[in-house]
């Protein structure tokens, strides 16, 4: 697997190529939103399954969402309560969303801000990215760098030297690279239904719109 420096990693992203990085749940397979089709191709993923847009801040994600001022206020309240964290909000998509993120054009979009120092650091520099877990469709998510490199040898990751530079700058220790990167638990997914929320997938977060 190509293991590269931070500048090289960011250049690969901006070129529309695929990368992987750790998150608070499982490692992400990621690309620019307009290059989401590459994720579907690599994973052999059904186009009926939309990708999740990850960002560093709510302000980064909000242009991709369409709603009234009242709706946005309600969504923002939930976002402030649970983000960063393992909760994915499925909201109405704006025209800003590239078709490659949701080939079936369902009109909705899953969004999340991960609670992970490296993911946040990278997303601050790349902008929002189309993401999903790293695995062939129907297979369990890959959780270690070795497993990712074995299954996807052409996928770009940060090198151990790059990680050794980045983590201490964030006040963090470099996690053991031969261990699972993240909790291994999927995010909880909740969708806005026009007048309330519906839990589509129960993950590591117990969702209560009125409070944690």
C-alpha atoms as a PDB file:
ATOM      1  CA  UNK A   1       0.000   0.000   0.000  1.00  0.00           C
ATOM      2  CA  UNK A   2       1.338   3.500  -0.739  1.00  0.00           C
ATOM      3  CA  UNK A   3       2.330   5.063   2.585  1.00  0.00           C
ATOM      4  CA  UNK A   4       3.035   8.737   2.102  1.00  0.00           C
ATOM      5  CA  UNK A   5       3.820  12.024   3.829  1.00  0.00           C
ATOM      6  CA  UNK A   6       1.087  14.459   4.814  1.00  0.00           C
ATOM      7  CA  UNK A   7       1.625  16.762   1.793  1.00  0.00           C
ATOM      8  CA  UNK A   8       1.549  13.757  -0.535  1.00  0.00           C
ATOM      9  CA  UNK A   9      -1.607  12.432   1.168  1.00  0.00           C
ATOM     10  CA  UNK A  10      -3.395  15.767   0.752  1.00  0.00           C
ATOM     11  CA  UNK A  11      -2.305  15.948  -2.891  1.00  0.00           C
ATOM     12  CA  UNK A  12      -3.748  12.481  -3.531  1.00  0.00           C
ATOM     13  CA  UNK A  13      -7.070  13.592  -2.039  1.00  0.00           C
ATOM     14  CA  UNK A  14      -7.190  16.771  -4.119  1.00  0.00           C
ATOM     15  CA  UNK A  15      -6.434  14.712  -7.237  1.00  0.00           C
ATOM     16  CA  UNK A  16      -9.679  12.816  -6.621  1.00  0.00           C
ATOM     17  CA  UNK A  17      -8.006   9.564  -5.617  1.00  0.00           C
ATOM     18  CA  UNK A  18      -8.943   7.242  -2.744  1.00  0.00           C
ATOM     19  CA  UNK A  19      -7.356   7.337   0.704  1.00  0.00           C
ATOM     20  CA  UNK A  20      -7.919   5.739   4.096  1.00  0.00           C
ATOM     21  CA  UNK A  21      -7.527   7.162   7.593  1.00  0.00           C
ATOM     22  CA  UNK A  22      -8.567   6.268  11.138  1.00  0.00           C
ATOM     23  CA  UNK A  23     -11.812   7.481  12.697  1.00  0.00           C
ATOM     24  CA  UNK A  24     -13.549   6.952  16.020  1.00  0.00           C
ATOM     25  CA  UNK A  25     -15.517   3.973  14.643  1.00  0.00           C
ATOM     26  CA  UNK A  26     -13.677   2.085  11.887  1.00  0.00           C
ATOM     27  CA  UNK A  27     -11.104   3.321   9.347  1.00  0.00           C
ATOM     28  CA  UNK A  28     -12.613   5.358   6.539  1.00  0.00           C
ATOM     29  CA  UNK A  29     -12.347   4.848   2.810  1.00  0.00           C
ATOM     30  CA  UNK A  30     -12.555   8.408   1.540  1.00  0.00           C
ATOM     31  CA  UNK A  31     -12.508  10.668  -1.506  1.00  0.00           C
ATOM     32  CA  UNK A  32     -13.658  14.101  -2.543  1.00  0.00           C
ATOM     33  CA  UNK A  33     -17.472  14.174  -2.822  1.00  0.00           C
ATOM     34  CA  UNK A  34     -17.297  14.485  -6.613  1.00  0.00           C
ATOM     35  CA  UNK A  35     -15.087  11.368  -6.732  1.00  0.00           C
ATOM     36  CA  UNK A  36     -17.495   9.190  -4.746  1.00  0.00           C
ATOM     37  CA  UNK A  37     -17.911   6.908  -7.757  1.00  0.00           C
ATOM     38  CA  UNK A  38     -14.400   5.605  -7.083  1.00  0.00           C
ATOM     39  CA  UNK A  39     -15.533   4.311  -3.700  1.00  0.00           C
ATOM     40  CA  UNK A  40     -18.441   2.413  -5.250  1.00  0.00           C
ATOM     41  CA  UNK A  41     -16.139   0.865  -7.825  1.00  0.00           C
ATOM     42  CA  UNK A  42     -13.445  -0.226  -5.372  1.00  0.00           C
ATOM     43  CA  UNK A  43     -15.887  -1.699  -2.854  1.00  0.00           C
ATOM     44  CA  UNK A  44     -18.212  -3.191  -5.490  1.00  0.00           C
ATOM     45  CA  UNK A  45     -20.884  -1.355  -3.530  1.00  0.00           C
ATOM     46  CA  UNK A  46     -24.544  -1.141  -4.519  1.00  0.00           C
ATOM     47  CA  UNK A  47     -25.432   2.327  -5.757  1.00  0.00           C
ATOM     48  CA  UNK A  48     -28.557   2.066  -3.622  1.00  0.00           C
ATOM     49  CA  UNK A  49     -26.324   2.661  -0.575  1.00  0.00           C
ATOM     50  CA  UNK A  50     -25.407   6.352  -0.243  1.00  0.00           C
ATOM     51  CA  UNK A  51     -22.059   7.419   1.165  1.00  0.00           C
ATOM     52  CA  UNK A  52     -21.554   9.481   4.324  1.00  0.00           C
ATOM     53  CA  UNK A  53     -20.141  12.984   4.143  1.00  0.00           C
ATOM     54  CA  UNK A  54     -17.598  13.612   6.901  1.00  0.00           C
ATOM     55  CA  UNK A  55     -16.402  17.066   7.837  1.00  0.00           C
ATOM     56  CA  UNK A  56     -14.438  18.884  10.517  1.00  0.00           C
ATOM     57  CA  UNK A  57     -17.165  21.402  11.402  1.00  0.00           C
ATOM     58  CA  UNK A  58     -20.902  21.893  11.048  1.00  0.00           C
ATOM     59  CA  UNK A  59     -20.201  24.938   8.876  1.00  0.00           C
ATOM     60  CA  UNK A  60     -18.315  22.698   6.448  1.00  0.00           C
ATOM     61  CA  UNK A  61     -21.255  20.317   6.109  1.00  0.00           C
ATOM     62  CA  UNK A  62     -24.225  22.708   6.107  1.00  0.00           C
ATOM     63  CA  UNK A  63     -23.948  23.797   2.429  1.00  0.00           C
ATOM     64  CA  UNK A  64     -24.797  20.216   1.455  1.00  0.00           C
ATOM     65  CA  UNK A  65     -28.101  20.347   3.379  1.00  0.00           C
ATOM     66  CA  UNK A  66     -31.445  21.870   2.328  1.00  0.00           C
ATOM     67  CA  UNK A  67     -34.091  22.923   4.851  1.00  0.00           C
ATOM     68  CA  UNK A  68     -36.088  25.723   6.373  1.00  0.00           C
ATOM     69  CA  UNK A  69     -34.577  27.974   8.998  1.00  0.00           C
ATOM     70  CA  UNK A  70     -36.653  26.203  11.652  1.00  0.00           C
ATOM     71  CA  UNK A  71     -35.505  22.767  10.483  1.00  0.00           C
ATOM     72  CA  UNK A  72     -31.875  23.844  10.406  1.00  0.00           C
ATOM     73  CA  UNK A  73     -32.162  25.146  13.945  1.00  0.00           C
ATOM     74  CA  UNK A  74     -33.486  21.759  15.139  1.00  0.00           C
ATOM     75  CA  UNK A  75     -30.783  19.882  13.269  1.00  0.00           C
ATOM     76  CA  UNK A  76     -28.102  22.184  14.631  1.00  0.00           C
ATOM     77  CA  UNK A  77     -29.270  21.517  18.183  1.00  0.00           C
ATOM     78  CA  UNK A  78     -28.822  17.769  17.684  1.00  0.00           C
ATOM     79  CA  UNK A  79     -25.499  18.251  15.894  1.00  0.00           C
ATOM     80  CA  UNK A  80     -24.156  20.364  18.760  1.00  0.00           C
ATOM     81  CA  UNK A  81     -25.243  17.698  21.238  1.00  0.00           C
ATOM     82  CA  UNK A  82     -23.736  14.664  19.501  1.00  0.00           C
ATOM     83  CA  UNK A  83     -20.898  15.940  17.324  1.00  0.00           C
ATOM     84  CA  UNK A  84     -18.103  15.186  17.208  1.00  0.00           C
ATOM     85  CA  UNK A  85     -19.193  11.621  17.732  1.00  0.00           C
ATOM     86  CA  UNK A  86     -20.523   8.368  16.317  1.00  0.00           C
ATOM     87  CA  UNK A  87     -23.906   9.674  15.174  1.00  0.00           C
ATOM     88  CA  UNK A  88     -24.776  10.047  11.495  1.00  0.00           C
ATOM     89  CA  UNK A  89     -27.589  12.469  10.647  1.00  0.00           C
ATOM     90  CA  UNK A  90     -29.505  11.772   7.430  1.00  0.00           C
ATOM     91  CA  UNK A  91     -30.905  15.093   6.222  1.00  0.00           C
ATOM     92  CA  UNK A  92     -32.393  16.514   3.007  1.00  0.00           C
ATOM     93  CA  UNK A  93     -29.639  17.154   0.475  1.00  0.00           C
ATOM     94  CA  UNK A  94     -29.074  20.461  -1.294  1.00  0.00           C
ATOM     95  CA  UNK A  95     -28.223  20.890  -4.970  1.00  0.00           C
ATOM     96  CA  UNK A  96     -24.608  21.325  -3.876  1.00  0.00           C
ATOM     97  CA  UNK A  97     -24.299  17.561  -3.338  1.00  0.00           C
ATOM     98  CA  UNK A  98     -22.450  15.868  -6.228  1.00  0.00           C
ATOM     99  CA  UNK A  99     -24.420  12.988  -7.808  1.00  0.00           C
ATOM    100  CA  UNK A 100     -21.453  10.668  -7.141  1.00  0.00           C
ATOM    101  CA  UNK A 101     -22.293  10.768  -3.415  1.00  0.00           C
ATOM    102  CA  UNK A 102     -25.789   9.345  -3.947  1.00  0.00           C
ATOM    103  CA  UNK A 103     -26.187   7.800  -7.414  1.00  0.00           C
ATOM    104  CA  UNK A 104     -29.857   6.933  -6.893  1.00  0.00           C
ATOM    105  CA  UNK A 105     -30.618  10.573  -6.069  1.00  0.00           C
ATOM    106  CA  UNK A 106     -32.771   9.836  -3.025  1.00  0.00           C
ATOM    107  CA  UNK A 107     -32.650  13.477  -1.995  1.00  0.00           C
ATOM    108  CA  UNK A 108     -31.008  12.795   1.344  1.00  0.00           C
ATOM    109  CA  UNK A 109     -27.500  12.712   2.743  1.00  0.00           C
ATOM    110  CA  UNK A 110     -25.779  11.196   5.787  1.00  0.00           C
ATOM    111  CA  UNK A 111     -23.404  13.544   7.599  1.00  0.00           C
ATOM    112  CA  UNK A 112     -21.007  13.115  10.492  1.00  0.00           C
ATOM    113  CA  UNK A 113     -18.169  14.807  12.361  1.00  0.00           C
ATOM    114  CA  UNK A 114     -15.914  12.065  13.777  1.00  0.00           C
ATOM    115  CA  UNK A 115     -14.550  12.262  17.310  1.00  0.00           C
ATOM    116  CA  UNK A 116     -10.993  11.368  16.382  1.00  0.00           C
ATOM    117  CA  UNK A 117      -7.964  13.684  16.445  1.00  0.00           C
ATOM    118  CA  UNK A 118      -6.370  12.435  13.217  1.00  0.00           C
ATOM    119  CA  UNK A 119      -9.635  12.404  11.265  1.00  0.00           C
ATOM    120  CA  UNK A 120     -10.453  15.932  12.423  1.00  0.00           C
ATOM    121  CA  UNK A 121      -6.930  17.130  11.572  1.00  0.00           C
ATOM    122  CA  UNK A 122      -7.156  15.740   8.050  1.00  0.00           C
ATOM    123  CA  UNK A 123     -10.710  16.926   7.368  1.00  0.00           C
ATOM    124  CA  UNK A 124      -9.697  20.456   8.385  1.00  0.00           C
ATOM    125  CA  UNK A 125      -7.199  20.327   5.522  1.00  0.00           C
ATOM    126  CA  UNK A 126      -9.161  18.409   2.883  1.00  0.00           C
ATOM    127  CA  UNK A 127     -12.656  19.770   3.428  1.00  0.00           C
ATOM    128  CA  UNK A 128     -15.637  17.389   3.585  1.00  0.00           C
ATOM    129  CA  UNK A 129     -15.051  13.928   2.157  1.00  0.00           C
ATOM    130  CA  UNK A 130     -17.276  11.128   0.918  1.00  0.00           C
ATOM    131  CA  UNK A 131     -16.649   8.181   3.231  1.00  0.00           C
ATOM    132  CA  UNK A 132     -17.570   4.634   4.083  1.00  0.00           C
ATOM    133  CA  UNK A 133     -15.852   1.699   5.792  1.00  0.00           C
ATOM    134  CA  UNK A 134     -12.850   0.006   4.179  1.00  0.00           C
ATOM    135  CA  UNK A 135     -14.006  -3.384   2.912  1.00  0.00           C
ATOM    136  CA  UNK A 136     -15.501  -5.204  -0.045  1.00  0.00           C
ATOM    137  CA  UNK A 137     -19.249  -4.843  -0.020  1.00  0.00           C
ATOM    138  CA  UNK A 138     -20.825  -7.463   2.236  1.00  0.00           C
ATOM    139  CA  UNK A 139     -17.594  -8.134   4.134  1.00  0.00           C
ATOM    140  CA  UNK A 140     -16.713  -6.925   7.653  1.00  0.00           C
ATOM    141  CA  UNK A 141     -14.954  -3.550   7.920  1.00  0.00           C
ATOM    142  CA  UNK A 142     -11.164  -3.766   7.973  1.00  0.00           C
ATOM    143  CA  UNK A 143      -9.790  -2.360  11.226  1.00  0.00           C
ATOM    144  CA  UNK A 144      -5.988  -2.493  10.996  1.00  0.00           C
ATOM    145  CA  UNK A 145      -3.532  -0.896   8.585  1.00  0.00           C
ATOM    146  CA  UNK A 146      -2.106  -4.322   7.765  1.00  0.00           C
ATOM    147  CA  UNK A 147      -5.518  -5.691   6.812  1.00  0.00           C
ATOM    148  CA  UNK A 148      -6.270  -2.626   4.704  1.00  0.00           C
ATOM    149  CA  UNK A 149      -2.932  -2.900   2.913  1.00  0.00           C
ATOM    150  CA  UNK A 150      -3.445  -6.590   2.226  1.00  0.00           C
ATOM    151  CA  UNK A 151      -6.948  -6.187   0.773  1.00  0.00           C
ATOM    152  CA  UNK A 152      -6.376  -2.866  -1.002  1.00  0.00           C
ATOM    153  CA  UNK A 153      -2.651  -2.597  -1.866  1.00  0.00           C
ATOM    154  CA  UNK A 154      -3.142   0.512  -4.030  1.00  0.00           C
ATOM    155  CA  UNK A 155      -4.995   2.509  -1.388  1.00  0.00           C
ATOM    156  CA  UNK A 156      -3.057   5.529  -0.053  1.00  0.00           C
ATOM    157  CA  UNK A 157      -2.432   5.863   3.694  1.00  0.00           C
ATOM    158  CA  UNK A 158      -0.270   8.106   5.823  1.00  0.00           C
ATOM    159  CA  UNK A 159       3.137   6.601   6.555  1.00  0.00           C
ATOM    160  CA  UNK A 160       4.167   5.666  10.102  1.00  0.00           C
ATOM    161  CA  UNK A 161       6.630   8.577   9.980  1.00  0.00           C
ATOM    162  CA  UNK A 162       3.834  10.996   9.063  1.00  0.00           C
ATOM    163  CA  UNK A 163       1.653   9.663  11.871  1.00  0.00           C
ATOM    164  CA  UNK A 164       4.588   9.984  14.285  1.00  0.00           C
ATOM    165  CA  UNK A 165       4.738  13.687  13.394  1.00  0.00           C
ATOM    166  CA  UNK A 166       1.005  14.414  13.436  1.00  0.00           C
ATOM    167  CA  UNK A 167      -0.225  12.690  16.608  1.00  0.00           C
ATOM    168  CA  UNK A 168       2.238  14.379  19.035  1.00  0.00           C
ATOM    169  CA  UNK A 169       1.370  17.770  17.498  1.00  0.00           C
ATOM    170  CA  UNK A 170      -2.219  17.067  18.567  1.00  0.00           C
ATOM    171  CA  UNK A 171      -1.167  16.103  22.082  1.00  0.00           C
ATOM    172  CA  UNK A 172      -1.820  12.423  21.341  1.00  0.00           C
ATOM    173  CA  UNK A 173       0.259   9.257  21.324  1.00  0.00           C
ATOM    174  CA  UNK A 174       0.521   7.272  18.108  1.00  0.00           C
ATOM    175  CA  UNK A 175      -1.843   4.294  18.446  1.00  0.00           C
ATOM    176  CA  UNK A 176      -0.373   0.831  17.847  1.00  0.00           C
ATOM    177  CA  UNK A 177      -0.595   0.448  14.083  1.00  0.00           C
ATOM    178  CA  UNK A 178      -1.107  -3.318  14.291  1.00  0.00           C
ATOM    179  CA  UNK A 179      -4.225  -2.866  16.436  1.00  0.00           C
ATOM    180  CA  UNK A 180      -7.789  -1.927  15.422  1.00  0.00           C
ATOM    181  CA  UNK A 181      -7.995   1.769  14.601  1.00  0.00           C
ATOM    182  CA  UNK A 182     -11.171   2.970  16.311  1.00  0.00           C
ATOM    183  CA  UNK A 183     -13.886   1.417  18.449  1.00  0.00           C
ATOM    184  CA  UNK A 184     -14.968  -1.113  15.835  1.00  0.00           C
ATOM    185  CA  UNK A 185     -18.577  -0.098  16.477  1.00  0.00           C
ATOM    186  CA  UNK A 186     -20.572   1.504  13.640  1.00  0.00           C
ATOM    187  CA  UNK A 187     -22.141   4.901  14.033  1.00  0.00           C
ATOM    188  CA  UNK A 188     -25.802   5.196  14.934  1.00  0.00           C
ATOM    189  CA  UNK A 189     -27.758   6.484  11.925  1.00  0.00           C
ATOM    190  CA  UNK A 190     -30.864   8.636  12.377  1.00  0.00           C
ATOM    191  CA  UNK A 191     -32.957  10.243   9.626  1.00  0.00           C
ATOM    192  CA  UNK A 192     -35.069  13.372   9.708  1.00  0.00           C
ATOM    193  CA  UNK A 193     -38.615  12.479   8.624  1.00  0.00           C
ATOM    194  CA  UNK A 194     -40.064  15.970   8.324  1.00  0.00           C
ATOM    195  CA  UNK A 195     -41.438  16.206  11.846  1.00  0.00           C
ATOM    196  CA  UNK A 196     -39.093  14.009  13.866  1.00  0.00           C
ATOM    197  CA  UNK A 197     -36.281  11.475  13.836  1.00  0.00           C
ATOM    198  CA  UNK A 198     -36.197   7.791  12.900  1.00  0.00           C
ATOM    199  CA  UNK A 199     -33.360   5.459  13.917  1.00  0.00           C
ATOM    200  CA  UNK A 200     -32.171   3.604  10.814  1.00  0.00           C
ATOM    201  CA  UNK A 201     -29.244   1.816  12.459  1.00  0.00           C
ATOM    202  CA  UNK A 202     -28.447   1.397  16.124  1.00  0.00           C
ATOM    203  CA  UNK A 203     -24.735   1.775  16.684  1.00  0.00           C
ATOM    204  CA  UNK A 204     -22.547   2.831  19.571  1.00  0.00           C
ATOM    205  CA  UNK A 205     -24.587   5.958  20.396  1.00  0.00           C
ATOM    206  CA  UNK A 206     -28.007   5.836  22.022  1.00  0.00           C
ATOM    207  CA  UNK A 207     -29.963   8.609  20.339  1.00  0.00           C
ATOM    208  CA  UNK A 208     -32.250  10.868  22.331  1.00  0.00           C
ATOM    209  CA  UNK A 209     -33.048  14.140  20.517  1.00  0.00           C
ATOM    210  CA  UNK A 210     -33.971  15.762  23.830  1.00  0.00           C
ATOM    211  CA  UNK A 211     -30.630  14.957  25.450  1.00  0.00           C
ATOM    212  CA  UNK A 212     -27.962  12.289  25.832  1.00  0.00           C
END
